[in-house]
């Protein structure tokens, strides 16, 4: 009886193992090819606003983790975000700017010079919208 179970169980386990590794290998290859995109070229005027008003909280150099985790502009220029993630992040930029939530009021109490002018806000909005449209077409 034990020999009979072994004859059935061993091939079954081998088959399941083979299927699992074949499936997981396919997922890894897909992940590698779609995980990152070409880094986004940020125009100089947009980069100047981001550097002056945004990257102090939203970059790899940020000490705090929450703002960097929610939005990290270094990941745009490094190509670390997937296309879908980049489009999502650009949408969040647009949403936050339209609501007037960035920079946050509490932050601006301490650093009033970081307040976005209407021109700067419009520049970022146009950039995020245009970049998102380009990526959606690719």
N, C-alpha and C. Protein backbone atom coordinates (compact mmCIF):
# COMPACT_ATOMS: atom_id res chain seq x y z
N UNK A 1 0.81 -1.18 0.00
CA UNK A 1 0.00 0.00 0.00
C UNK A 1 0.87 1.26 0.00
N UNK A 2 1.91 1.27 0.84
CA UNK A 2 2.81 2.41 0.93
C UNK A 2 3.51 2.64 -0.41
N UNK A 3 3.94 1.60 -1.05
CA UNK A 3 4.61 1.68 -2.34
C UNK A 3 3.66 2.25 -3.41
N UNK A 4 2.42 1.88 -3.35
CA UNK A 4 1.42 2.34 -4.29
C UNK A 4 1.16 3.85 -4.14
N UNK A 5 1.07 4.33 -2.90
CA UNK A 5 0.87 5.75 -2.63
C UNK A 5 2.07 6.54 -3.13
N UNK A 6 3.26 6.04 -2.90
CA UNK A 6 4.47 6.70 -3.35
C UNK A 6 4.49 6.84 -4.86
N UNK A 7 4.07 5.79 -5.58
CA UNK A 7 4.07 5.82 -7.04
C UNK A 7 3.10 6.88 -7.58
N UNK A 8 2.06 7.16 -6.87
CA UNK A 8 1.08 8.16 -7.31
C UNK A 8 1.46 9.55 -6.80
N UNK A 9 1.89 9.63 -5.56
CA UNK A 9 2.16 10.91 -4.92
C UNK A 9 3.40 11.60 -5.47
N UNK A 10 4.48 10.89 -5.69
CA UNK A 10 5.72 11.49 -6.16
C UNK A 10 5.53 12.15 -7.54
N UNK A 11 4.97 11.48 -8.54
CA UNK A 11 4.76 12.16 -9.83
C UNK A 11 3.82 13.37 -9.69
N UNK A 12 2.82 13.25 -8.83
CA UNK A 12 1.89 14.36 -8.63
C UNK A 12 2.63 15.57 -8.06
N UNK A 13 3.45 15.37 -7.06
CA UNK A 13 4.23 16.46 -6.45
C UNK A 13 5.19 17.06 -7.46
N UNK A 14 5.84 16.22 -8.26
CA UNK A 14 6.74 16.72 -9.30
C UNK A 14 5.99 17.56 -10.33
N UNK A 15 4.82 17.13 -10.71
CA UNK A 15 4.01 17.87 -11.67
C UNK A 15 3.61 19.23 -11.11
N UNK A 16 3.15 19.26 -9.88
CA UNK A 16 2.77 20.52 -9.24
C UNK A 16 3.97 21.45 -9.13
N UNK A 17 5.11 20.92 -8.76
CA UNK A 17 6.34 21.72 -8.65
C UNK A 17 6.72 22.30 -10.00
N UNK A 18 6.67 21.50 -11.03
CA UNK A 18 7.00 21.96 -12.37
C UNK A 18 6.06 23.06 -12.81
N UNK A 19 4.78 22.88 -12.59
CA UNK A 19 3.79 23.90 -12.96
C UNK A 19 4.06 25.19 -12.18
N UNK A 20 4.32 25.08 -10.90
CA UNK A 20 4.58 26.25 -10.07
C UNK A 20 5.78 27.03 -10.58
N UNK A 21 6.90 26.36 -10.83
CA UNK A 21 8.10 27.05 -11.28
C UNK A 21 7.94 27.62 -12.68
N UNK A 22 7.24 26.94 -13.54
CA UNK A 22 6.99 27.47 -14.88
C UNK A 22 6.15 28.73 -14.80
N UNK A 23 5.13 28.72 -13.97
CA UNK A 23 4.25 29.85 -13.80
C UNK A 23 5.00 31.03 -13.18
N UNK A 24 5.74 30.79 -12.12
CA UNK A 24 6.44 31.88 -11.44
C UNK A 24 7.54 32.46 -12.32
N UNK A 25 8.19 31.64 -13.14
CA UNK A 25 9.22 32.14 -14.05
C UNK A 25 8.59 33.08 -15.05
N UNK A 26 7.44 32.74 -15.58
CA UNK A 26 6.73 33.60 -16.52
C UNK A 26 6.35 34.92 -15.90
N UNK A 27 5.92 34.90 -14.64
CA UNK A 27 5.57 36.14 -13.96
C UNK A 27 6.79 37.02 -13.77
N UNK A 28 7.91 36.43 -13.38
CA UNK A 28 9.12 37.21 -13.17
C UNK A 28 9.60 37.85 -14.46
N UNK A 29 9.56 37.13 -15.57
CA UNK A 29 9.98 37.70 -16.83
C UNK A 29 9.07 38.86 -17.22
N UNK A 30 7.76 38.70 -17.02
CA UNK A 30 6.83 39.77 -17.33
C UNK A 30 7.10 40.98 -16.44
N UNK A 31 7.36 40.74 -15.17
CA UNK A 31 7.62 41.82 -14.24
C UNK A 31 8.87 42.59 -14.65
N UNK A 32 9.89 41.88 -15.05
CA UNK A 32 11.13 42.53 -15.43
C UNK A 32 10.93 43.41 -16.65
N UNK A 33 10.16 42.95 -17.61
CA UNK A 33 10.00 43.73 -18.83
C UNK A 33 9.03 44.90 -18.66
N UNK A 34 8.14 44.87 -17.67
CA UNK A 34 7.17 45.95 -17.53
C UNK A 34 7.34 46.75 -16.25
N UNK A 35 8.34 46.44 -15.45
CA UNK A 35 8.43 47.08 -14.15
C UNK A 35 8.91 48.52 -14.24
N UNK A 36 9.79 48.83 -15.13
CA UNK A 36 10.33 50.18 -15.20
C UNK A 36 10.18 50.70 -16.62
N UNK A 37 10.16 52.01 -16.74
CA UNK A 37 10.05 52.64 -18.04
C UNK A 37 11.27 53.52 -18.24
N UNK A 38 11.36 54.07 -19.41
CA UNK A 38 12.42 55.05 -19.65
C UNK A 38 12.20 56.22 -18.69
N UNK A 39 13.26 56.74 -18.14
CA UNK A 39 13.09 57.89 -17.24
C UNK A 39 12.37 59.04 -17.96
N UNK A 40 11.56 59.74 -17.22
CA UNK A 40 10.83 60.88 -17.77
C UNK A 40 11.76 62.07 -17.85
N UNK A 41 11.75 62.71 -19.00
CA UNK A 41 12.51 63.95 -19.17
C UNK A 41 11.65 65.08 -18.62
N UNK A 42 12.11 65.72 -17.57
CA UNK A 42 11.37 66.82 -16.97
C UNK A 42 11.94 68.12 -17.54
N UNK A 43 11.08 68.93 -18.18
CA UNK A 43 11.56 70.21 -18.73
C UNK A 43 12.20 71.07 -17.64
N UNK A 44 13.15 71.89 -18.04
CA UNK A 44 13.91 72.70 -17.08
C UNK A 44 13.04 73.61 -16.24
N UNK A 45 12.01 74.24 -16.84
CA UNK A 45 11.16 75.13 -16.06
C UNK A 45 10.36 74.37 -15.00
N UNK A 46 9.90 73.17 -15.36
CA UNK A 46 9.17 72.32 -14.41
C UNK A 46 10.14 71.82 -13.34
N UNK A 47 11.32 71.40 -13.76
CA UNK A 47 12.33 70.91 -12.81
C UNK A 47 12.71 71.99 -11.80
N UNK A 48 12.80 73.23 -12.25
CA UNK A 48 13.14 74.33 -11.34
C UNK A 48 12.08 74.49 -10.26
N UNK A 49 10.80 74.39 -10.64
CA UNK A 49 9.73 74.50 -9.64
C UNK A 49 9.77 73.30 -8.70
N UNK A 50 9.91 72.11 -9.26
CA UNK A 50 9.97 70.91 -8.42
C UNK A 50 11.13 70.98 -7.44
N UNK A 51 12.31 71.38 -7.94
CA UNK A 51 13.49 71.47 -7.07
C UNK A 51 13.30 72.50 -5.97
N UNK A 52 12.67 73.62 -6.29
CA UNK A 52 12.51 74.71 -5.32
C UNK A 52 11.38 74.47 -4.33
N UNK A 53 10.31 73.82 -4.79
CA UNK A 53 9.10 73.75 -3.97
C UNK A 53 8.69 72.34 -3.55
N UNK A 54 9.18 71.31 -4.23
CA UNK A 54 8.61 69.97 -4.00
C UNK A 54 9.61 68.91 -3.51
N UNK A 55 10.79 68.88 -4.10
CA UNK A 55 11.70 67.77 -3.82
C UNK A 55 12.29 67.78 -2.41
N UNK A 56 12.13 68.88 -1.69
CA UNK A 56 12.57 68.90 -0.29
C UNK A 56 11.85 67.85 0.53
N UNK A 57 10.62 67.54 0.15
CA UNK A 57 9.82 66.52 0.84
C UNK A 57 9.64 65.25 0.01
N UNK A 58 9.74 65.37 -1.31
CA UNK A 58 9.39 64.27 -2.20
C UNK A 58 10.57 63.82 -3.06
N UNK A 59 11.65 63.37 -2.40
CA UNK A 59 12.82 62.86 -3.13
C UNK A 59 13.55 61.83 -2.28
N UNK A 60 14.57 61.23 -2.86
CA UNK A 60 15.36 60.24 -2.12
C UNK A 60 16.10 60.87 -0.94
N UNK A 61 16.36 62.18 -1.00
CA UNK A 61 17.11 62.86 0.05
C UNK A 61 16.25 63.25 1.25
N UNK A 62 14.95 63.00 1.15
CA UNK A 62 14.02 63.35 2.22
C UNK A 62 14.26 62.49 3.45
N UNK A 63 14.25 63.11 4.60
CA UNK A 63 14.43 62.35 5.84
C UNK A 63 13.14 61.65 6.25
N UNK A 64 12.02 62.33 6.09
CA UNK A 64 10.73 61.73 6.43
C UNK A 64 10.33 60.71 5.38
N UNK A 65 9.63 59.69 5.79
CA UNK A 65 9.29 58.64 4.86
C UNK A 65 7.94 58.75 4.20
N UNK A 66 6.96 59.37 4.87
CA UNK A 66 5.59 59.37 4.36
C UNK A 66 5.46 60.16 3.06
N UNK A 67 5.98 61.36 3.02
CA UNK A 67 5.85 62.17 1.81
C UNK A 67 6.67 61.58 0.66
N UNK A 68 7.83 61.02 0.99
CA UNK A 68 8.67 60.38 -0.03
C UNK A 68 8.00 59.13 -0.57
N UNK A 69 7.31 58.41 0.31
CA UNK A 69 6.65 57.19 -0.11
C UNK A 69 5.45 57.50 -1.03
N UNK A 70 4.72 58.56 -0.71
CA UNK A 70 3.56 58.91 -1.52
C UNK A 70 3.95 59.45 -2.89
N UNK A 71 5.01 60.23 -2.95
CA UNK A 71 5.47 60.82 -4.21
C UNK A 71 6.96 61.03 -4.12
N UNK A 72 7.69 60.44 -5.07
CA UNK A 72 9.14 60.58 -5.09
C UNK A 72 9.56 60.97 -6.50
N UNK A 73 9.89 62.23 -6.68
CA UNK A 73 10.23 62.72 -8.02
C UNK A 73 11.50 62.10 -8.56
N UNK A 74 12.38 61.61 -7.70
CA UNK A 74 13.57 60.92 -8.18
C UNK A 74 13.19 59.65 -8.93
N UNK A 75 12.11 59.01 -8.52
CA UNK A 75 11.68 57.78 -9.19
C UNK A 75 11.16 58.06 -10.60
N UNK A 76 10.67 59.26 -10.84
CA UNK A 76 10.29 59.63 -12.20
C UNK A 76 11.52 59.69 -13.09
N UNK A 77 12.53 60.37 -12.62
CA UNK A 77 13.72 60.58 -13.45
C UNK A 77 14.62 59.35 -13.51
N UNK A 78 14.47 58.42 -12.55
CA UNK A 78 15.24 57.18 -12.58
C UNK A 78 14.56 56.09 -13.39
N UNK A 79 13.28 56.28 -13.70
CA UNK A 79 12.52 55.25 -14.40
C UNK A 79 12.12 54.10 -13.48
N UNK A 80 12.04 54.38 -12.17
CA UNK A 80 11.72 53.33 -11.20
C UNK A 80 10.24 52.99 -11.15
N UNK A 81 9.38 53.91 -11.61
CA UNK A 81 7.95 53.63 -11.62
C UNK A 81 7.58 52.95 -12.94
N UNK A 82 6.65 52.00 -12.88
CA UNK A 82 6.11 51.41 -14.10
C UNK A 82 5.28 52.47 -14.81
N UNK A 83 4.90 52.20 -16.05
CA UNK A 83 4.10 53.17 -16.80
C UNK A 83 2.79 53.45 -16.07
N UNK A 84 2.12 52.39 -15.62
CA UNK A 84 0.86 52.57 -14.90
C UNK A 84 1.03 53.37 -13.63
N UNK A 85 2.08 53.10 -12.89
CA UNK A 85 2.36 53.81 -11.64
C UNK A 85 2.68 55.28 -11.93
N UNK A 86 3.42 55.53 -12.99
CA UNK A 86 3.75 56.90 -13.36
C UNK A 86 2.49 57.68 -13.72
N UNK A 87 1.62 57.06 -14.51
CA UNK A 87 0.36 57.71 -14.89
C UNK A 87 -0.46 58.01 -13.64
N UNK A 88 -0.51 57.05 -12.71
CA UNK A 88 -1.24 57.24 -11.46
C UNK A 88 -0.66 58.39 -10.65
N UNK A 89 0.66 58.44 -10.54
CA UNK A 89 1.32 59.51 -9.78
C UNK A 89 1.07 60.87 -10.42
N UNK A 90 1.13 60.93 -11.75
CA UNK A 90 0.86 62.19 -12.44
C UNK A 90 -0.58 62.64 -12.18
N UNK A 91 -1.50 61.68 -12.15
CA UNK A 91 -2.89 62.00 -11.83
C UNK A 91 -3.04 62.53 -10.42
N UNK A 92 -2.27 61.98 -9.49
CA UNK A 92 -2.32 62.45 -8.11
C UNK A 92 -1.76 63.87 -7.98
N UNK A 93 -0.73 64.16 -8.76
CA UNK A 93 -0.19 65.53 -8.78
C UNK A 93 -1.30 66.48 -9.20
N UNK A 94 -1.96 66.16 -10.29
CA UNK A 94 -3.04 67.00 -10.81
C UNK A 94 -4.14 67.17 -9.77
N UNK A 95 -4.54 66.07 -9.15
CA UNK A 95 -5.62 66.11 -8.16
C UNK A 95 -5.25 66.98 -6.97
N UNK A 96 -4.05 66.80 -6.43
CA UNK A 96 -3.61 67.56 -5.26
C UNK A 96 -3.48 69.05 -5.57
N UNK A 97 -2.95 69.35 -6.75
CA UNK A 97 -2.80 70.76 -7.11
C UNK A 97 -4.15 71.41 -7.36
N UNK A 98 -5.07 70.71 -8.01
CA UNK A 98 -6.41 71.27 -8.24
C UNK A 98 -7.15 71.53 -6.94
N UNK A 99 -6.90 70.70 -5.93
CA UNK A 99 -7.54 70.89 -4.63
C UNK A 99 -6.79 71.93 -3.77
N UNK A 100 -5.62 72.36 -4.23
CA UNK A 100 -4.82 73.31 -3.47
C UNK A 100 -4.20 72.70 -2.22
N UNK A 101 -3.93 71.39 -2.26
CA UNK A 101 -3.42 70.69 -1.07
C UNK A 101 -1.91 70.58 -1.02
N UNK A 102 -1.22 71.02 -2.05
CA UNK A 102 0.23 70.93 -2.04
C UNK A 102 0.80 72.30 -2.34
N UNK A 103 1.79 72.67 -1.60
CA UNK A 103 2.23 72.10 -0.33
C UNK A 103 1.15 72.26 0.74
N UNK A 104 1.18 71.39 1.75
CA UNK A 104 0.16 71.45 2.81
C UNK A 104 0.22 72.76 3.60
N UNK A 105 -0.93 73.18 4.09
CA UNK A 105 -1.03 74.44 4.84
C UNK A 105 -0.11 74.46 6.06
N UNK A 106 -0.05 73.34 6.76
CA UNK A 106 0.79 73.27 7.96
C UNK A 106 2.27 73.49 7.60
N UNK A 107 2.69 72.91 6.48
CA UNK A 107 4.06 73.09 6.01
C UNK A 107 4.31 74.55 5.64
N UNK A 108 3.32 75.15 4.96
CA UNK A 108 3.46 76.54 4.51
C UNK A 108 3.52 77.53 5.67
N UNK A 109 2.93 77.18 6.83
CA UNK A 109 3.04 78.04 8.01
C UNK A 109 4.49 78.21 8.42
N UNK A 110 5.25 77.14 8.28
CA UNK A 110 6.66 77.17 8.65
C UNK A 110 7.55 77.68 7.51
N UNK A 111 7.16 77.35 6.27
CA UNK A 111 7.95 77.72 5.09
C UNK A 111 7.07 78.42 4.06
N UNK A 112 6.69 79.66 4.30
CA UNK A 112 5.77 80.35 3.38
C UNK A 112 6.36 80.58 1.98
N UNK A 113 7.68 80.59 1.88
CA UNK A 113 8.33 80.78 0.57
C UNK A 113 8.14 79.58 -0.35
N UNK A 114 7.64 78.46 0.17
CA UNK A 114 7.43 77.25 -0.64
C UNK A 114 6.04 77.22 -1.29
N UNK A 115 5.22 78.23 -1.02
CA UNK A 115 3.88 78.29 -1.62
C UNK A 115 4.02 78.43 -3.14
N UNK A 116 3.24 77.63 -3.83
CA UNK A 116 3.25 77.69 -5.30
C UNK A 116 2.47 78.91 -5.76
N UNK A 117 3.05 79.63 -6.71
CA UNK A 117 2.29 80.71 -7.34
C UNK A 117 1.29 80.08 -8.29
N UNK A 118 0.34 80.86 -8.75
CA UNK A 118 -0.64 80.35 -9.71
C UNK A 118 0.06 79.90 -10.99
N UNK A 119 1.06 80.64 -11.41
CA UNK A 119 1.82 80.29 -12.61
C UNK A 119 2.56 78.96 -12.42
N UNK A 120 3.20 78.78 -11.26
CA UNK A 120 3.92 77.53 -10.98
C UNK A 120 2.96 76.35 -10.92
N UNK A 121 1.84 76.56 -10.27
CA UNK A 121 0.83 75.50 -10.17
C UNK A 121 0.33 75.10 -11.55
N UNK A 122 0.03 76.08 -12.39
CA UNK A 122 -0.43 75.80 -13.76
C UNK A 122 0.64 75.09 -14.58
N UNK A 123 1.89 75.48 -14.39
CA UNK A 123 2.99 74.83 -15.09
C UNK A 123 3.06 73.35 -14.73
N UNK A 124 2.97 73.05 -13.44
CA UNK A 124 3.01 71.65 -12.98
C UNK A 124 1.78 70.88 -13.45
N UNK A 125 0.62 71.52 -13.39
CA UNK A 125 -0.60 70.87 -13.86
C UNK A 125 -0.52 70.51 -15.34
N UNK A 126 -0.08 71.46 -16.14
CA UNK A 126 0.04 71.21 -17.59
C UNK A 126 1.05 70.11 -17.88
N UNK A 127 2.18 70.15 -17.19
CA UNK A 127 3.21 69.12 -17.38
C UNK A 127 2.67 67.74 -17.03
N UNK A 128 2.05 67.61 -15.85
CA UNK A 128 1.54 66.32 -15.40
C UNK A 128 0.48 65.80 -16.36
N UNK A 129 -0.39 66.66 -16.81
CA UNK A 129 -1.45 66.27 -17.73
C UNK A 129 -0.89 65.83 -19.08
N UNK A 130 0.02 66.61 -19.62
CA UNK A 130 0.62 66.29 -20.92
C UNK A 130 1.44 65.00 -20.85
N UNK A 131 2.22 64.85 -19.81
CA UNK A 131 3.06 63.65 -19.66
C UNK A 131 2.18 62.41 -19.52
N UNK A 132 1.10 62.52 -18.76
CA UNK A 132 0.17 61.40 -18.60
C UNK A 132 -0.46 61.02 -19.93
N UNK A 133 -0.85 62.00 -20.71
CA UNK A 133 -1.46 61.74 -22.03
C UNK A 133 -0.46 61.04 -22.94
N UNK A 134 0.77 61.45 -22.93
CA UNK A 134 1.82 60.82 -23.75
C UNK A 134 2.00 59.36 -23.34
N UNK A 135 2.09 59.12 -22.05
CA UNK A 135 2.30 57.74 -21.56
C UNK A 135 1.11 56.84 -21.85
N UNK A 136 -0.09 57.37 -21.79
CA UNK A 136 -1.28 56.57 -22.09
C UNK A 136 -1.32 56.12 -23.55
N UNK A 137 -0.70 56.89 -24.43
CA UNK A 137 -0.68 56.55 -25.85
C UNK A 137 0.38 55.50 -26.18
N UNK A 138 1.37 55.34 -25.32
CA UNK A 138 2.47 54.40 -25.59
C UNK A 138 2.05 52.98 -25.36
